Amino acid sequence: MVVFPVRCFTCGAVIGDKWEVFIERVKKGEDPGKVLDSLGIKRYCCRRMFISHVNLIEEMIYYSRKV
């Protein structure tokens, strides 16, 4: 499970629909910058959403469970 923002925090552009494609292509060995270019992510504020995303949902779920 991944929680990735639907919109860029800065400009509000819709980016959530491109996350899975981005991750699949980067895992195959493509350069992240070139993948973002091909997906049409040109603004640096949107690009940082992809590059700096850290998936912490698994750690947060651990602390939300009742023992």
N, C-alpha and C. Protein backbone atom coordinates (compact mmCIF):
# COMPACT_ATOMS: atom_id res chain seq x y z
N MET A 1 0.84 -1.18 0.00
CA MET A 1 0.00 0.00 0.00
C MET A 1 0.89 1.24 0.00
N VAL A 2 0.60 2.15 -0.91
CA VAL A 2 1.37 3.39 -1.02
C VAL A 2 0.43 4.57 -0.92
N VAL A 3 0.82 5.56 -0.14
CA VAL A 3 0.04 6.78 -0.02
C VAL A 3 0.84 7.88 -0.70
N PHE A 4 0.47 8.16 -1.95
CA PHE A 4 1.13 9.21 -2.71
C PHE A 4 0.11 10.30 -2.97
N PRO A 5 0.50 11.56 -2.82
CA PRO A 5 -0.46 12.66 -3.01
C PRO A 5 -1.06 12.67 -4.42
N VAL A 6 -2.32 13.02 -4.50
CA VAL A 6 -3.01 13.11 -5.78
C VAL A 6 -2.57 14.36 -6.52
N ARG A 7 -2.35 15.43 -5.77
CA ARG A 7 -1.93 16.71 -6.37
C ARG A 7 -0.62 17.18 -5.78
N CYS A 8 0.09 17.98 -6.55
CA CYS A 8 1.33 18.61 -6.08
C CYS A 8 0.96 19.60 -4.97
N PHE A 9 1.72 19.58 -3.88
CA PHE A 9 1.43 20.47 -2.76
C PHE A 9 1.60 21.95 -3.13
N THR A 10 2.46 22.25 -4.06
CA THR A 10 2.78 23.63 -4.40
C THR A 10 1.86 24.21 -5.47
N CYS A 11 1.78 23.54 -6.62
CA CYS A 11 1.04 24.11 -7.75
C CYS A 11 -0.34 23.51 -7.94
N GLY A 12 -0.61 22.36 -7.33
CA GLY A 12 -1.93 21.75 -7.44
C GLY A 12 -2.14 20.90 -8.68
N ALA A 13 -1.10 20.65 -9.44
CA ALA A 13 -1.23 19.81 -10.64
C ALA A 13 -1.51 18.36 -10.23
N VAL A 14 -2.32 17.68 -11.02
CA VAL A 14 -2.63 16.28 -10.75
C VAL A 14 -1.42 15.41 -11.12
N ILE A 15 -0.90 14.68 -10.14
CA ILE A 15 0.29 13.85 -10.36
C ILE A 15 0.09 12.41 -9.87
N GLY A 16 -0.93 12.15 -9.11
CA GLY A 16 -1.13 10.85 -8.50
C GLY A 16 -1.30 9.71 -9.48
N ASP A 17 -1.82 10.00 -10.66
CA ASP A 17 -2.05 8.95 -11.65
C ASP A 17 -0.77 8.50 -12.34
N LYS A 18 0.32 9.20 -12.12
CA LYS A 18 1.59 8.87 -12.77
C LYS A 18 2.55 8.12 -11.86
N TRP A 19 2.20 7.96 -10.59
CA TRP A 19 3.11 7.37 -9.61
C TRP A 19 3.47 5.92 -9.94
N GLU A 20 2.49 5.08 -10.22
CA GLU A 20 2.76 3.66 -10.47
C GLU A 20 3.62 3.46 -11.71
N VAL A 21 3.35 4.22 -12.75
CA VAL A 21 4.15 4.13 -13.98
C VAL A 21 5.59 4.55 -13.67
N PHE A 22 5.75 5.62 -12.91
CA PHE A 22 7.07 6.11 -12.55
C PHE A 22 7.86 5.04 -11.79
N ILE A 23 7.26 4.45 -10.79
CA ILE A 23 7.95 3.45 -9.96
C ILE A 23 8.32 2.22 -10.78
N GLU A 24 7.42 1.75 -11.62
CA GLU A 24 7.70 0.56 -12.44
C GLU A 24 8.89 0.80 -13.36
N ARG A 25 8.92 1.96 -14.00
CA ARG A 25 9.99 2.24 -14.94
C ARG A 25 11.33 2.45 -14.25
N VAL A 26 11.31 3.08 -13.07
CA VAL A 26 12.56 3.29 -12.32
C VAL A 26 13.09 1.96 -11.82
N LYS A 27 12.21 1.06 -11.37
CA LYS A 27 12.64 -0.26 -10.91
C LYS A 27 13.26 -1.08 -12.03
N LYS A 28 12.85 -0.81 -13.27
CA LYS A 28 13.42 -1.51 -14.42
C LYS A 28 14.80 -0.96 -14.79
N GLY A 29 15.20 0.15 -14.17
CA GLY A 29 16.54 0.68 -14.40
C GLY A 29 16.60 1.98 -15.17
N GLU A 30 15.47 2.57 -15.51
CA GLU A 30 15.49 3.84 -16.25
C GLU A 30 15.87 4.99 -15.33
N ASP A 31 16.41 6.04 -15.91
CA ASP A 31 16.79 7.23 -15.18
C ASP A 31 15.54 7.97 -14.72
N PRO A 32 15.42 8.28 -13.41
CA PRO A 32 14.22 8.95 -12.91
C PRO A 32 13.92 10.28 -13.61
N GLY A 33 14.95 11.04 -13.93
CA GLY A 33 14.74 12.32 -14.61
C GLY A 33 14.13 12.16 -15.99
N LYS A 34 14.61 11.17 -16.72
CA LYS A 34 14.08 10.93 -18.06
C LYS A 34 12.66 10.37 -18.00
N VAL A 35 12.37 9.56 -16.98
CA VAL A 35 11.01 9.05 -16.82
C VAL A 35 10.05 10.20 -16.55
N LEU A 36 10.44 11.11 -15.67
CA LEU A 36 9.58 12.26 -15.37
C LEU A 36 9.37 13.12 -16.61
N ASP A 37 10.42 13.30 -17.40
CA ASP A 37 10.29 14.06 -18.65
C ASP A 37 9.28 13.40 -19.58
N SER A 38 9.38 12.09 -19.72
CA SER A 38 8.48 11.39 -20.65
C SER A 38 7.03 11.36 -20.15
N LEU A 39 6.84 11.46 -18.83
CA LEU A 39 5.49 11.50 -18.26
C LEU A 39 4.90 12.91 -18.29
N GLY A 40 5.70 13.88 -18.68
CA GLY A 40 5.22 15.26 -18.78
C GLY A 40 5.30 16.04 -17.49
N ILE A 41 6.10 15.55 -16.54
CA ILE A 41 6.29 16.26 -15.27
C ILE A 41 7.45 17.22 -15.47
N LYS A 42 7.14 18.48 -15.73
CA LYS A 42 8.17 19.46 -16.06
C LYS A 42 8.51 20.39 -14.90
N ARG A 43 7.52 20.74 -14.08
CA ARG A 43 7.77 21.68 -12.98
C ARG A 43 8.61 21.05 -11.89
N TYR A 44 9.53 21.81 -11.33
CA TYR A 44 10.40 21.26 -10.30
C TYR A 44 9.65 20.95 -9.02
N CYS A 45 8.53 21.67 -8.76
CA CYS A 45 7.76 21.36 -7.55
C CYS A 45 7.09 20.00 -7.67
N CYS A 46 6.63 19.66 -8.87
CA CYS A 46 6.01 18.35 -9.09
C CYS A 46 7.06 17.25 -9.10
N ARG A 47 8.21 17.53 -9.67
CA ARG A 47 9.28 16.54 -9.74
C ARG A 47 9.77 16.16 -8.35
N ARG A 48 9.84 17.12 -7.45
CA ARG A 48 10.30 16.82 -6.10
C ARG A 48 9.31 15.94 -5.35
N MET A 49 8.03 15.98 -5.73
CA MET A 49 7.04 15.11 -5.11
C MET A 49 7.38 13.64 -5.39
N PHE A 50 7.85 13.37 -6.59
CA PHE A 50 8.21 12.00 -6.97
C PHE A 50 9.55 11.60 -6.36
N ILE A 51 10.54 12.48 -6.48
CA ILE A 51 11.89 12.16 -6.07
C ILE A 51 12.02 12.04 -4.55
N SER A 52 11.29 12.86 -3.81
CA SER A 52 11.46 12.89 -2.35
C SER A 52 10.43 12.07 -1.59
N HIS A 53 9.53 11.37 -2.28
CA HIS A 53 8.49 10.61 -1.59
C HIS A 53 9.09 9.44 -0.81
N VAL A 54 8.68 9.32 0.45
CA VAL A 54 9.09 8.21 1.31
C VAL A 54 7.83 7.54 1.80
N ASN A 55 7.71 6.25 1.55
CA ASN A 55 6.52 5.51 1.94
C ASN A 55 6.63 5.06 3.39
N LEU A 56 5.90 5.72 4.27
CA LEU A 56 5.96 5.40 5.70
C LEU A 56 4.69 4.73 6.20
N ILE A 57 3.76 4.40 5.31
CA ILE A 57 2.47 3.88 5.73
C ILE A 57 2.62 2.57 6.51
N GLU A 58 3.53 1.70 6.11
CA GLU A 58 3.70 0.42 6.82
C GLU A 58 4.15 0.65 8.27
N GLU A 59 5.01 1.63 8.50
CA GLU A 59 5.44 1.93 9.86
C GLU A 59 4.33 2.56 10.67
N MET A 60 3.51 3.40 10.05
CA MET A 60 2.41 4.04 10.77
C MET A 60 1.33 3.03 11.14
N ILE A 61 1.08 2.07 10.27
CA ILE A 61 0.08 1.05 10.56
C ILE A 61 0.49 0.22 11.77
N TYR A 62 1.76 -0.04 11.92
CA TYR A 62 2.25 -0.81 13.06
C TYR A 62 1.84 -0.15 14.37
N TYR A 63 1.93 1.17 14.47
CA TYR A 63 1.62 1.88 15.70
C TYR A 63 0.12 2.13 15.88
N SER A 64 -0.67 1.92 14.85
CA SER A 64 -2.11 2.13 14.98
C SER A 64 -2.85 0.87 15.42
N ARG A 65 -2.17 -0.27 15.39
CA ARG A 65 -2.81 -1.52 15.78
C ARG A 65 -2.90 -1.61 17.30
N LYS A 66 -4.02 -2.15 17.74
CA LYS A 66 -4.20 -2.35 19.18
C LYS A 66 -3.66 -3.72 19.56
N VAL A 67 -2.99 -3.75 20.66
CA VAL A 67 -2.36 -5.00 21.12
C VAL A 67 -3.31 -5.80 21.95
